[in-house]
């Protein structure tokens, strides 16, 4: 019932920034930069 403040595209910006952050830190975290999946549940599924 609260008035929404963080509306589109702010959540999408956050998800995009997170994927990019993982990709840019791939060497540090021993991550394959070409195998980064996004997973979401319910509204988080809409975000993903």
ModelCIF file with pLDDT and N, C-alpha, C, O atoms, coordinates in Angstrom:
data_MODEL
#
_entry.id   MODEL 
#
_entity.id                         1 
_entity.type                       polymer 
_entity.pdbx_number_of_molecules   1 
#
_entity_poly.entity_id                      1 
_entity_poly.type                           'polypeptide(L)' 
_entity_poly.nstd_linkage                   no 
_entity_poly.nstd_monomer                   no 
_entity_poly.pdbx_seq_one_letter_code       
;(UNK)(UNK)(UNK)(UNK)(UNK)(UNK)(UNK)(UNK)(UNK)(UNK)(UNK)(UNK)(UNK)(UNK)(UNK)(UNK)
(UNK)(UNK)(UNK)(UNK)(UNK)(UNK)(UNK)(UNK)(UNK)(UNK)(UNK)(UNK)(UNK)(UNK)(UNK)(UNK)
(UNK)(UNK)(UNK)(UNK)(UNK)(UNK)(UNK)(UNK)(UNK)(UNK)(UNK)(UNK)(UNK)(UNK)(UNK)(UNK)
;
_entity_poly.pdbx_seq_one_letter_code_can   XXXXXXXXXXXXXXXXXXXXXXXXXXXXXXXXXXXXXXXXXXXXXXXX 
_entity_poly.pdbx_strand_id                 A 
#
loop_
_entity_poly_seq.entity_id 
_entity_poly_seq.num 
_entity_poly_seq.mon_id 
_entity_poly_seq.hetero 
1 1  UNK n 
1 2  UNK n 
1 3  UNK n 
1 4  UNK n 
1 5  UNK n 
1 6  UNK n 
1 7  UNK n 
1 8  UNK n 
1 9  UNK n 
1 10 UNK n 
1 11 UNK n 
1 12 UNK n 
1 13 UNK n 
1 14 UNK n 
1 15 UNK n 
1 16 UNK n 
1 17 UNK n 
1 18 UNK n 
1 19 UNK n 
1 20 UNK n 
1 21 UNK n 
1 22 UNK n 
1 23 UNK n 
1 24 UNK n 
1 25 UNK n 
1 26 UNK n 
1 27 UNK n 
1 28 UNK n 
1 29 UNK n 
1 30 UNK n 
1 31 UNK n 
1 32 UNK n 
1 33 UNK n 
1 34 UNK n 
1 35 UNK n 
1 36 UNK n 
1 37 UNK n 
1 38 UNK n 
1 39 UNK n 
1 40 UNK n 
1 41 UNK n 
1 42 UNK n 
1 43 UNK n 
1 44 UNK n 
1 45 UNK n 
1 46 UNK n 
1 47 UNK n 
1 48 UNK n 
#
_struct_asym.id          A 
_struct_asym.entity_id   1 
#
loop_
_ma_qa_metric.id 
_ma_qa_metric.mode 
_ma_qa_metric.name 
_ma_qa_metric.software_group_id 
_ma_qa_metric.type 
1 global pLDDT . pLDDT 
2 local  pLDDT . pLDDT 
#
_ma_qa_metric_global.metric_id      1 
_ma_qa_metric_global.metric_value   93.50 
_ma_qa_metric_global.model_id       1 
_ma_qa_metric_global.ordinal_id     1 
#
loop_
_ma_qa_metric_local.label_asym_id 
_ma_qa_metric_local.label_comp_id 
_ma_qa_metric_local.label_seq_id 
_ma_qa_metric_local.metric_id 
_ma_qa_metric_local.metric_value 
_ma_qa_metric_local.model_id 
_ma_qa_metric_local.ordinal_id 
A UNK 1  2 48.00 1 1  
A UNK 2  2 50.00 1 2  
A UNK 3  2 48.00 1 3  
A UNK 4  2 60.00 1 4  
A UNK 5  2 79.00 1 5  
A UNK 6  2 92.00 1 6  
A UNK 7  2 95.00 1 7  
A UNK 8  2 97.00 1 8  
A UNK 9  2 97.00 1 9  
A UNK 10 2 97.00 1 10 
A UNK 11 2 98.00 1 11 
A UNK 12 2 98.00 1 12 
A UNK 13 2 98.00 1 13 
A UNK 14 2 98.00 1 14 
A UNK 15 2 98.00 1 15 
A UNK 16 2 98.00 1 16 
A UNK 17 2 98.00 1 17 
A UNK 18 2 98.00 1 18 
A UNK 19 2 99.00 1 19 
A UNK 20 2 98.00 1 20 
A UNK 21 2 98.00 1 21 
A UNK 22 2 98.00 1 22 
A UNK 23 2 98.00 1 23 
A UNK 24 2 98.00 1 24 
A UNK 25 2 98.00 1 25 
A UNK 26 2 98.00 1 26 
A UNK 27 2 97.00 1 27 
A UNK 28 2 96.00 1 28 
A UNK 29 2 97.00 1 29 
A UNK 30 2 97.00 1 30 
A UNK 31 2 98.00 1 31 
A UNK 32 2 98.00 1 32 
A UNK 33 2 98.00 1 33 
A UNK 34 2 98.00 1 34 
A UNK 35 2 98.00 1 35 
A UNK 36 2 99.00 1 36 
A UNK 37 2 99.00 1 37 
A UNK 38 2 99.00 1 38 
A UNK 39 2 99.00 1 39 
A UNK 40 2 98.00 1 40 
A UNK 41 2 98.00 1 41 
A UNK 42 2 98.00 1 42 
A UNK 43 2 98.00 1 43 
A UNK 44 2 98.00 1 44 
A UNK 45 2 98.00 1 45 
A UNK 46 2 98.00 1 46 
A UNK 47 2 98.00 1 47 
A UNK 48 2 99.00 1 48 
#
loop_
_atom_site.group_PDB 
_atom_site.id 
_atom_site.type_symbol 
_atom_site.label_atom_id 
_atom_site.label_alt_id 
_atom_site.label_comp_id 
_atom_site.label_asym_id 
_atom_site.label_entity_id 
_atom_site.label_seq_id 
_atom_site.pdbx_PDB_ins_code 
_atom_site.Cartn_x 
_atom_site.Cartn_y 
_atom_site.Cartn_z 
_atom_site.occupancy 
_atom_site.B_iso_or_equiv 
_atom_site.pdbx_formal_charge 
_atom_site.auth_seq_id 
_atom_site.auth_comp_id 
_atom_site.auth_asym_id 
_atom_site.auth_atom_id 
_atom_site.pdbx_PDB_model_num 
ATOM 1   N N  . UNK A 1 1  ? 0.807  -1.215  0.000   1.00 48.00 ? 1  UNK A N  1 
ATOM 2   C CA . UNK A 1 1  ? 0.000  0.000   0.000   1.00 48.00 ? 1  UNK A CA 1 
ATOM 3   C C  . UNK A 1 1  ? 0.843  1.269   0.000   1.00 48.00 ? 1  UNK A C  1 
ATOM 4   O O  . UNK A 1 1  ? 0.300  2.374   -0.032  1.00 48.00 ? 1  UNK A O  1 
ATOM 5   N N  . UNK A 1 2  ? 2.157  1.122   0.036   1.00 50.00 ? 2  UNK A N  1 
ATOM 6   C CA . UNK A 1 2  ? 3.034  2.285   0.032   1.00 50.00 ? 2  UNK A CA 1 
ATOM 7   C C  . UNK A 1 2  ? 3.145  2.870   -1.384  1.00 50.00 ? 2  UNK A C  1 
ATOM 8   O O  . UNK A 1 2  ? 3.083  2.141   -2.373  1.00 50.00 ? 2  UNK A O  1 
ATOM 9   N N  . UNK A 1 3  ? 3.308  4.176   -1.463  1.00 48.00 ? 3  UNK A N  1 
ATOM 10  C CA . UNK A 1 3  ? 3.486  4.808   -2.762  1.00 48.00 ? 3  UNK A CA 1 
ATOM 11  C C  . UNK A 1 3  ? 4.815  4.368   -3.360  1.00 48.00 ? 3  UNK A C  1 
ATOM 12  O O  . UNK A 1 3  ? 5.856  4.556   -2.730  1.00 48.00 ? 3  UNK A O  1 
ATOM 13  N N  . UNK A 1 4  ? 4.812  3.786   -4.562  1.00 60.00 ? 4  UNK A N  1 
ATOM 14  C CA . UNK A 1 4  ? 6.064  3.304   -5.147  1.00 60.00 ? 4  UNK A CA 1 
ATOM 15  C C  . UNK A 1 4  ? 6.982  4.450   -5.545  1.00 60.00 ? 4  UNK A C  1 
ATOM 16  O O  . UNK A 1 4  ? 6.532  5.471   -6.066  1.00 60.00 ? 4  UNK A O  1 
ATOM 17  N N  . UNK A 1 5  ? 8.258  4.272   -5.297  1.00 79.00 ? 5  UNK A N  1 
ATOM 18  C CA . UNK A 1 5  ? 9.260  5.276   -5.651  1.00 79.00 ? 5  UNK A CA 1 
ATOM 19  C C  . UNK A 1 5  ? 10.235 4.741   -6.692  1.00 79.00 ? 5  UNK A C  1 
ATOM 20  O O  . UNK A 1 5  ? 10.624 5.455   -7.616  1.00 79.00 ? 5  UNK A O  1 
ATOM 21  N N  . UNK A 1 6  ? 10.624 3.490   -6.537  1.00 92.00 ? 6  UNK A N  1 
ATOM 22  C CA . UNK A 1 6  ? 11.668 2.928   -7.396  1.00 92.00 ? 6  UNK A CA 1 
ATOM 23  C C  . UNK A 1 6  ? 11.027 2.228   -8.588  1.00 92.00 ? 6  UNK A C  1 
ATOM 24  O O  . UNK A 1 6  ? 11.020 1.000   -8.675  1.00 92.00 ? 6  UNK A O  1 
ATOM 25  N N  . UNK A 1 7  ? 10.491 3.029   -9.501  1.00 95.00 ? 7  UNK A N  1 
ATOM 26  C CA . UNK A 1 7  ? 9.742  2.485   -10.622 1.00 95.00 ? 7  UNK A CA 1 
ATOM 27  C C  . UNK A 1 7  ? 10.657 2.238   -11.823 1.00 95.00 ? 7  UNK A C  1 
ATOM 28  O O  . UNK A 1 7  ? 11.831 2.606   -11.811 1.00 95.00 ? 7  UNK A O  1 
ATOM 29  N N  . UNK A 1 8  ? 10.101 1.612   -12.850 1.00 97.00 ? 8  UNK A N  1 
ATOM 30  C CA . UNK A 1 8  ? 10.825 1.334   -14.085 1.00 97.00 ? 8  UNK A CA 1 
ATOM 31  C C  . UNK A 1 8  ? 11.480 2.625   -14.600 1.00 97.00 ? 8  UNK A C  1 
ATOM 32  O O  . UNK A 1 8  ? 10.839 3.676   -14.615 1.00 97.00 ? 8  UNK A O  1 
ATOM 33  N N  . UNK A 1 9  ? 12.762 2.553   -15.025 1.00 97.00 ? 9  UNK A N  1 
ATOM 34  C CA . UNK A 1 9  ? 13.588 1.358   -15.183 1.00 97.00 ? 9  UNK A CA 1 
ATOM 35  C C  . UNK A 1 9  ? 14.589 1.134   -14.051 1.00 97.00 ? 9  UNK A C  1 
ATOM 36  O O  . UNK A 1 9  ? 15.601 0.469   -14.274 1.00 97.00 ? 9  UNK A O  1 
ATOM 37  N N  . UNK A 1 10 ? 14.353 1.657   -12.851 1.00 97.00 ? 10 UNK A N  1 
ATOM 38  C CA . UNK A 1 10 ? 15.368 1.552   -11.804 1.00 97.00 ? 10 UNK A CA 1 
ATOM 39  C C  . UNK A 1 10 ? 15.678 0.112   -11.398 1.00 97.00 ? 10 UNK A C  1 
ATOM 40  O O  . UNK A 1 10 ? 16.855 -0.230  -11.282 1.00 97.00 ? 10 UNK A O  1 
ATOM 41  N N  . UNK A 1 11 ? 14.674 -0.756  -11.173 1.00 98.00 ? 11 UNK A N  1 
ATOM 42  C CA . UNK A 1 11 ? 15.033 -2.155  -10.875 1.00 98.00 ? 11 UNK A CA 1 
ATOM 43  C C  . UNK A 1 11 ? 15.804 -2.805  -12.027 1.00 98.00 ? 11 UNK A C  1 
ATOM 44  O O  . UNK A 1 11 ? 16.724 -3.592  -11.806 1.00 98.00 ? 11 UNK A O  1 
ATOM 45  N N  . UNK A 1 12 ? 15.413 -2.464  -13.261 1.00 98.00 ? 12 UNK A N  1 
ATOM 46  C CA . UNK A 1 12 ? 16.113 -3.024  -14.422 1.00 98.00 ? 12 UNK A CA 1 
ATOM 47  C C  . UNK A 1 12 ? 17.550 -2.516  -14.485 1.00 98.00 ? 12 UNK A C  1 
ATOM 48  O O  . UNK A 1 12 ? 18.457 -3.258  -14.862 1.00 98.00 ? 12 UNK A O  1 
ATOM 49  N N  . UNK A 1 13 ? 17.758 -1.258  -14.118 1.00 98.00 ? 13 UNK A N  1 
ATOM 50  C CA . UNK A 1 13 ? 19.126 -0.738  -14.040 1.00 98.00 ? 13 UNK A CA 1 
ATOM 51  C C  . UNK A 1 13 ? 19.946 -1.544  -13.036 1.00 98.00 ? 13 UNK A C  1 
ATOM 52  O O  . UNK A 1 13 ? 21.109 -1.863  -13.281 1.00 98.00 ? 13 UNK A O  1 
ATOM 53  N N  . UNK A 1 14 ? 19.321 -1.868  -11.898 1.00 98.00 ? 14 UNK A N  1 
ATOM 54  C CA . UNK A 1 14 ? 20.048 -2.610  -10.861 1.00 98.00 ? 14 UNK A CA 1 
ATOM 55  C C  . UNK A 1 14 ? 20.437 -4.000  -11.347 1.00 98.00 ? 14 UNK A C  1 
ATOM 56  O O  . UNK A 1 14 ? 21.556 -4.455  -11.112 1.00 98.00 ? 14 UNK A O  1 
ATOM 57  N N  . UNK A 1 15 ? 19.505 -4.675  -12.029 1.00 98.00 ? 15 UNK A N  1 
ATOM 58  C CA . UNK A 1 15 ? 19.802 -6.018  -12.541 1.00 98.00 ? 15 UNK A CA 1 
ATOM 59  C C  . UNK A 1 15 ? 20.900 -5.955  -13.597 1.00 98.00 ? 15 UNK A C  1 
ATOM 60  O O  . UNK A 1 15 ? 21.807 -6.787  -13.608 1.00 98.00 ? 15 UNK A O  1 
ATOM 61  N N  . UNK A 1 16 ? 20.814 -4.974  -14.477 1.00 98.00 ? 16 UNK A N  1 
ATOM 62  C CA . UNK A 1 16 ? 21.837 -4.821  -15.508 1.00 98.00 ? 16 UNK A CA 1 
ATOM 63  C C  . UNK A 1 16 ? 23.201 -4.527  -14.884 1.00 98.00 ? 16 UNK A C  1 
ATOM 64  O O  . UNK A 1 16 ? 24.217 -5.087  -15.297 1.00 98.00 ? 16 UNK A O  1 
ATOM 65  N N  . UNK A 1 17 ? 23.212 -3.641  -13.883 1.00 98.00 ? 17 UNK A N  1 
ATOM 66  C CA . UNK A 1 17 ? 24.466 -3.301  -13.214 1.00 98.00 ? 17 UNK A CA 1 
ATOM 67  C C  . UNK A 1 17 ? 25.063 -4.524  -12.523 1.00 98.00 ? 17 UNK A C  1 
ATOM 68  O O  . UNK A 1 17 ? 26.281 -4.699  -12.503 1.00 98.00 ? 17 UNK A O  1 
ATOM 69  N N  . UNK A 1 18 ? 24.199 -5.372  -11.955 1.00 98.00 ? 18 UNK A N  1 
ATOM 70  C CA . UNK A 1 18 ? 24.688 -6.565  -11.258 1.00 98.00 ? 18 UNK A CA 1 
ATOM 71  C C  . UNK A 1 18 ? 25.333 -7.548  -12.222 1.00 98.00 ? 18 UNK A C  1 
ATOM 72  O O  . UNK A 1 18 ? 26.405 -8.084  -11.941 1.00 98.00 ? 18 UNK A O  1 
ATOM 73  N N  . UNK A 1 19 ? 24.685 -7.787  -13.360 1.00 99.00 ? 19 UNK A N  1 
ATOM 74  C CA . UNK A 1 19 ? 25.268 -8.696  -14.353 1.00 99.00 ? 19 UNK A CA 1 
ATOM 75  C C  . UNK A 1 19 ? 26.604 -8.139  -14.840 1.00 99.00 ? 19 UNK A C  1 
ATOM 76  O O  . UNK A 1 19 ? 27.583 -8.877  -14.960 1.00 99.00 ? 19 UNK A O  1 
ATOM 77  N N  . UNK A 1 20 ? 26.642 -6.847  -15.118 1.00 98.00 ? 20 UNK A N  1 
ATOM 78  C CA . UNK A 1 20 ? 27.887 -6.229  -15.585 1.00 98.00 ? 20 UNK A CA 1 
ATOM 79  C C  . UNK A 1 20 ? 28.974 -6.297  -14.514 1.00 98.00 ? 20 UNK A C  1 
ATOM 80  O O  . UNK A 1 20 ? 30.148 -6.494  -14.831 1.00 98.00 ? 20 UNK A O  1 
ATOM 81  N N  . UNK A 1 21 ? 28.588 -6.135  -13.251 1.00 98.00 ? 21 UNK A N  1 
ATOM 82  C CA . UNK A 1 21 ? 29.554 -6.177  -12.150 1.00 98.00 ? 21 UNK A CA 1 
ATOM 83  C C  . UNK A 1 21 ? 30.168 -7.575  -12.025 1.00 98.00 ? 21 UNK A C  1 
ATOM 84  O O  . UNK A 1 21 ? 31.378 -7.719  -11.845 1.00 98.00 ? 21 UNK A O  1 
ATOM 85  N N  . UNK A 1 22 ? 29.323 -8.594  -12.121 1.00 98.00 ? 22 UNK A N  1 
ATOM 86  C CA . UNK A 1 22 ? 29.844 -9.968  -12.072 1.00 98.00 ? 22 UNK A CA 1 
ATOM 87  C C  . UNK A 1 22 ? 30.773 -10.214 -13.255 1.00 98.00 ? 22 UNK A C  1 
ATOM 88  O O  . UNK A 1 22 ? 31.828 -10.832 -13.109 1.00 98.00 ? 22 UNK A O  1 
ATOM 89  N N  . UNK A 1 23 ? 30.377 -9.729  -14.415 1.00 98.00 ? 23 UNK A N  1 
ATOM 90  C CA . UNK A 1 23 ? 31.208 -9.933  -15.615 1.00 98.00 ? 23 UNK A CA 1 
ATOM 91  C C  . UNK A 1 23 ? 32.550 -9.211  -15.477 1.00 98.00 ? 23 UNK A C  1 
ATOM 92  O O  . UNK A 1 23 ? 33.584 -9.759  -15.857 1.00 98.00 ? 23 UNK A O  1 
ATOM 93  N N  . UNK A 1 24 ? 32.544 -7.994  -14.941 1.00 98.00 ? 24 UNK A N  1 
ATOM 94  C CA . UNK A 1 24 ? 33.788 -7.236  -14.825 1.00 98.00 ? 24 UNK A CA 1 
ATOM 95  C C  . UNK A 1 24 ? 34.706 -7.789  -13.736 1.00 98.00 ? 24 UNK A C  1 
ATOM 96  O O  . UNK A 1 24 ? 35.907 -7.518  -13.741 1.00 98.00 ? 24 UNK A O  1 
ATOM 97  N N  . UNK A 1 25 ? 34.146 -8.567  -12.800 1.00 98.00 ? 25 UNK A N  1 
ATOM 98  C CA . UNK A 1 25 ? 34.942 -9.190  -11.747 1.00 98.00 ? 25 UNK A CA 1 
ATOM 99  C C  . UNK A 1 25 ? 35.140 -10.690 -11.998 1.00 98.00 ? 25 UNK A C  1 
ATOM 100 O O  . UNK A 1 25 ? 35.456 -11.445 -11.078 1.00 98.00 ? 25 UNK A O  1 
ATOM 101 N N  . UNK A 1 26 ? 34.953 -11.106 -13.237 1.00 98.00 ? 26 UNK A N  1 
ATOM 102 C CA . UNK A 1 26 ? 34.992 -12.535 -13.562 1.00 98.00 ? 26 UNK A CA 1 
ATOM 103 C C  . UNK A 1 26 ? 36.324 -13.177 -13.192 1.00 98.00 ? 26 UNK A C  1 
ATOM 104 O O  . UNK A 1 26 ? 36.342 -14.273 -12.631 1.00 98.00 ? 26 UNK A O  1 
ATOM 105 N N  . UNK A 1 27 ? 37.413 -12.529 -13.489 1.00 97.00 ? 27 UNK A N  1 
ATOM 106 C CA . UNK A 1 27 ? 38.726 -13.114 -13.189 1.00 97.00 ? 27 UNK A CA 1 
ATOM 107 C C  . UNK A 1 27 ? 38.916 -13.249 -11.685 1.00 97.00 ? 27 UNK A C  1 
ATOM 108 O O  . UNK A 1 27 ? 39.399 -14.275 -11.208 1.00 97.00 ? 27 UNK A O  1 
ATOM 109 N N  . UNK A 1 28 ? 38.538 -12.217 -10.939 1.00 96.00 ? 28 UNK A N  1 
ATOM 110 C CA . UNK A 1 28 ? 38.679 -12.230 -9.478  1.00 96.00 ? 28 UNK A CA 1 
ATOM 111 C C  . UNK A 1 28 ? 37.869 -13.349 -8.836  1.00 96.00 ? 28 UNK A C  1 
ATOM 112 O O  . UNK A 1 28 ? 38.315 -13.977 -7.876  1.00 96.00 ? 28 UNK A O  1 
ATOM 113 N N  . UNK A 1 29 ? 36.672 -13.594 -9.374  1.00 97.00 ? 29 UNK A N  1 
ATOM 114 C CA . UNK A 1 29 ? 35.765 -14.579 -8.779  1.00 97.00 ? 29 UNK A CA 1 
ATOM 115 C C  . UNK A 1 29 ? 35.757 -15.909 -9.531  1.00 97.00 ? 29 UNK A C  1 
ATOM 116 O O  . UNK A 1 29 ? 34.874 -16.740 -9.318  1.00 97.00 ? 29 UNK A O  1 
ATOM 117 N N  . UNK A 1 30 ? 36.753 -16.111 -10.419 1.00 97.00 ? 30 UNK A N  1 
ATOM 118 C CA . UNK A 1 30 ? 36.851 -17.377 -11.162 1.00 97.00 ? 30 UNK A CA 1 
ATOM 119 C C  . UNK A 1 30 ? 35.520 -17.728 -11.826 1.00 97.00 ? 30 UNK A C  1 
ATOM 120 O O  . UNK A 1 30 ? 35.015 -18.845 -11.715 1.00 97.00 ? 30 UNK A O  1 
ATOM 121 N N  . UNK A 1 31 ? 34.978 -16.737 -12.514 1.00 98.00 ? 31 UNK A N  1 
ATOM 122 C CA . UNK A 1 31 ? 33.702 -16.870 -13.203 1.00 98.00 ? 31 UNK A CA 1 
ATOM 123 C C  . UNK A 1 31 ? 33.911 -16.822 -14.708 1.00 98.00 ? 31 UNK A C  1 
ATOM 124 O O  . UNK A 1 31 ? 34.738 -16.053 -15.199 1.00 98.00 ? 31 UNK A O  1 
ATOM 125 N N  . UNK A 1 32 ? 33.173 -17.635 -15.435 1.00 98.00 ? 32 UNK A N  1 
ATOM 126 C CA . UNK A 1 32 ? 33.176 -17.579 -16.892 1.00 98.00 ? 32 UNK A CA 1 
ATOM 127 C C  . UNK A 1 32 ? 32.306 -16.395 -17.315 1.00 98.00 ? 32 UNK A C  1 
ATOM 128 O O  . UNK A 1 32 ? 31.095 -16.430 -17.097 1.00 98.00 ? 32 UNK A O  1 
ATOM 129 N N  . UNK A 1 33 ? 32.883 -15.349 -17.911 1.00 98.00 ? 33 UNK A N  1 
ATOM 130 C CA . UNK A 1 33 ? 32.097 -14.149 -18.245 1.00 98.00 ? 33 UNK A CA 1 
ATOM 131 C C  . UNK A 1 33 ? 31.051 -14.384 -19.322 1.00 98.00 ? 33 UNK A C  1 
ATOM 132 O O  . UNK A 1 33 ? 30.169 -13.550 -19.525 1.00 98.00 ? 33 UNK A O  1 
ATOM 133 N N  . UNK A 1 34 ? 31.142 -15.516 -20.013 1.00 98.00 ? 34 UNK A N  1 
ATOM 134 C CA . UNK A 1 34 ? 30.180 -15.836 -21.061 1.00 98.00 ? 34 UNK A CA 1 
ATOM 135 C C  . UNK A 1 34 ? 29.135 -16.857 -20.601 1.00 98.00 ? 34 UNK A C  1 
ATOM 136 O O  . UNK A 1 34 ? 28.390 -17.406 -21.413 1.00 98.00 ? 34 UNK A O  1 
ATOM 137 N N  . UNK A 1 35 ? 29.093 -17.102 -19.287 1.00 98.00 ? 35 UNK A N  1 
ATOM 138 C CA . UNK A 1 35 ? 28.104 -18.051 -18.750 1.00 98.00 ? 35 UNK A CA 1 
ATOM 139 C C  . UNK A 1 35 ? 27.491 -17.464 -17.468 1.00 98.00 ? 35 UNK A C  1 
ATOM 140 O O  . UNK A 1 35 ? 27.562 -18.062 -16.394 1.00 98.00 ? 35 UNK A O  1 
ATOM 141 N N  . UNK A 1 36 ? 26.897 -16.292 -17.613 1.00 99.00 ? 36 UNK A N  1 
ATOM 142 C CA . UNK A 1 36 ? 26.249 -15.626 -16.482 1.00 99.00 ? 36 UNK A CA 1 
ATOM 143 C C  . UNK A 1 36 ? 24.742 -15.644 -16.708 1.00 99.00 ? 36 UNK A C  1 
ATOM 144 O O  . UNK A 1 36 ? 24.233 -14.967 -17.601 1.00 99.00 ? 36 UNK A O  1 
ATOM 145 N N  . UNK A 1 37 ? 24.046 -16.407 -15.911 1.00 99.00 ? 37 UNK A N  1 
ATOM 146 C CA . UNK A 1 37 ? 22.586 -16.514 -16.015 1.00 99.00 ? 37 UNK A CA 1 
ATOM 147 C C  . UNK A 1 37 ? 21.937 -15.576 -15.010 1.00 99.00 ? 37 UNK A C  1 
ATOM 148 O O  . UNK A 1 37 ? 22.530 -15.237 -13.985 1.00 99.00 ? 37 UNK A O  1 
ATOM 149 N N  . UNK A 1 38 ? 20.716 -15.163 -15.314 1.00 99.00 ? 38 UNK A N  1 
ATOM 150 C CA . UNK A 1 38 ? 19.920 -14.398 -14.364 1.00 99.00 ? 38 UNK A CA 1 
ATOM 151 C C  . UNK A 1 38 ? 18.697 -15.224 -13.999 1.00 99.00 ? 38 UNK A C  1 
ATOM 152 O O  . UNK A 1 38 ? 18.026 -15.781 -14.868 1.00 99.00 ? 38 UNK A O  1 
ATOM 153 N N  . UNK A 1 39 ? 18.415 -15.296 -12.692 1.00 99.00 ? 39 UNK A N  1 
ATOM 154 C CA . UNK A 1 39 ? 17.311 -16.099 -12.171 1.00 99.00 ? 39 UNK A CA 1 
ATOM 155 C C  . UNK A 1 39 ? 16.375 -15.186 -11.390 1.00 99.00 ? 39 UNK A C  1 
ATOM 156 O O  . UNK A 1 39 ? 16.830 -14.320 -10.642 1.00 99.00 ? 39 UNK A O  1 
ATOM 157 N N  . UNK A 1 40 ? 15.073 -15.377 -11.560 1.00 98.00 ? 40 UNK A N  1 
ATOM 158 C CA . UNK A 1 40 ? 14.131 -14.552 -10.828 1.00 98.00 ? 40 UNK A CA 1 
ATOM 159 C C  . UNK A 1 40 ? 12.887 -15.309 -10.436 1.00 98.00 ? 40 UNK A C  1 
ATOM 160 O O  . UNK A 1 40 ? 12.458 -16.239 -11.120 1.00 98.00 ? 40 UNK A O  1 
ATOM 161 N N  . UNK A 1 41 ? 12.310 -14.890 -9.311  1.00 98.00 ? 41 UNK A N  1 
ATOM 162 C CA . UNK A 1 41 ? 11.110 -15.502 -8.763  1.00 98.00 ? 41 UNK A CA 1 
ATOM 163 C C  . UNK A 1 41 ? 9.972  -14.487 -8.777  1.00 98.00 ? 41 UNK A C  1 
ATOM 164 O O  . UNK A 1 41 ? 10.138 -13.366 -8.296  1.00 98.00 ? 41 UNK A O  1 
ATOM 165 N N  . UNK A 1 42 ? 8.822  -14.868 -9.322  1.00 98.00 ? 42 UNK A N  1 
ATOM 166 C CA . UNK A 1 42 ? 7.629  -14.019 -9.305  1.00 98.00 ? 42 UNK A CA 1 
ATOM 167 C C  . UNK A 1 42 ? 7.945  -12.650 -9.921  1.00 98.00 ? 42 UNK A C  1 
ATOM 168 O O  . UNK A 1 42 ? 8.308  -12.590 -11.096 1.00 98.00 ? 42 UNK A O  1 
ATOM 169 N N  . UNK A 1 43 ? 7.819  -11.545 -9.165  1.00 98.00 ? 43 UNK A N  1 
ATOM 170 C CA . UNK A 1 43 ? 8.185  -10.245 -9.722  1.00 98.00 ? 43 UNK A CA 1 
ATOM 171 C C  . UNK A 1 43 ? 9.675  -10.180 -10.040 1.00 98.00 ? 43 UNK A C  1 
ATOM 172 O O  . UNK A 1 43 ? 10.080 -9.502  -10.984 1.00 98.00 ? 43 UNK A O  1 
ATOM 173 N N  . UNK A 1 44 ? 10.489 -10.879 -9.257  1.00 98.00 ? 44 UNK A N  1 
ATOM 174 C CA . UNK A 1 44 ? 11.900 -11.007 -9.607  1.00 98.00 ? 44 UNK A CA 1 
ATOM 175 C C  . UNK A 1 44 ? 12.072 -11.743 -10.919 1.00 98.00 ? 44 UNK A C  1 
ATOM 176 O O  . UNK A 1 44 ? 13.040 -11.516 -11.646 1.00 98.00 ? 44 UNK A O  1 
ATOM 177 N N  . UNK A 1 45 ? 11.119 -12.638 -11.226 1.00 98.00 ? 45 UNK A N  1 
ATOM 178 C CA . UNK A 1 45 ? 11.108 -13.298 -12.529 1.00 98.00 ? 45 UNK A CA 1 
ATOM 179 C C  . UNK A 1 45 ? 10.821 -12.305 -13.636 1.00 98.00 ? 45 UNK A C  1 
ATOM 180 O O  . UNK A 1 45 ? 11.391 -12.398 -14.723 1.00 98.00 ? 45 UNK A O  1 
ATOM 181 N N  . UNK A 1 46 ? 9.928  -11.342 -13.362 1.00 98.00 ? 46 UNK A N  1 
ATOM 182 C CA . UNK A 1 46 ? 9.686  -10.289 -14.345 1.00 98.00 ? 46 UNK A CA 1 
ATOM 183 C C  . UNK A 1 46 ? 10.955 -9.469  -14.552 1.00 98.00 ? 46 UNK A C  1 
ATOM 184 O O  . UNK A 1 46 ? 11.284 -9.107  -15.682 1.00 98.00 ? 46 UNK A O  1 
ATOM 185 N N  . UNK A 1 47 ? 11.664 -9.179  -13.473 1.00 98.00 ? 47 UNK A N  1 
ATOM 186 C CA . UNK A 1 47 ? 12.906 -8.412  -13.586 1.00 98.00 ? 47 UNK A CA 1 
ATOM 187 C C  . UNK A 1 47 ? 13.936 -9.164  -14.424 1.00 98.00 ? 47 UNK A C  1 
ATOM 188 O O  . UNK A 1 47 ? 14.547 -8.593  -15.327 1.00 98.00 ? 47 UNK A O  1 
ATOM 189 N N  . UNK A 1 48 ? 14.127 -10.450 -14.120 1.00 99.00 ? 48 UNK A N  1 
ATOM 190 C CA . UNK A 1 48 ? 15.070 -11.265 -14.886 1.00 99.00 ? 48 UNK A CA 1 
ATOM 191 C C  . UNK A 1 48 ? 14.637 -11.373 -16.343 1.00 99.00 ? 48 UNK A C  1 
ATOM 192 O O  . UNK A 1 48 ? 15.312 -12.023 -17.141 1.00 99.00 ? 48 UNK A O  1 
#
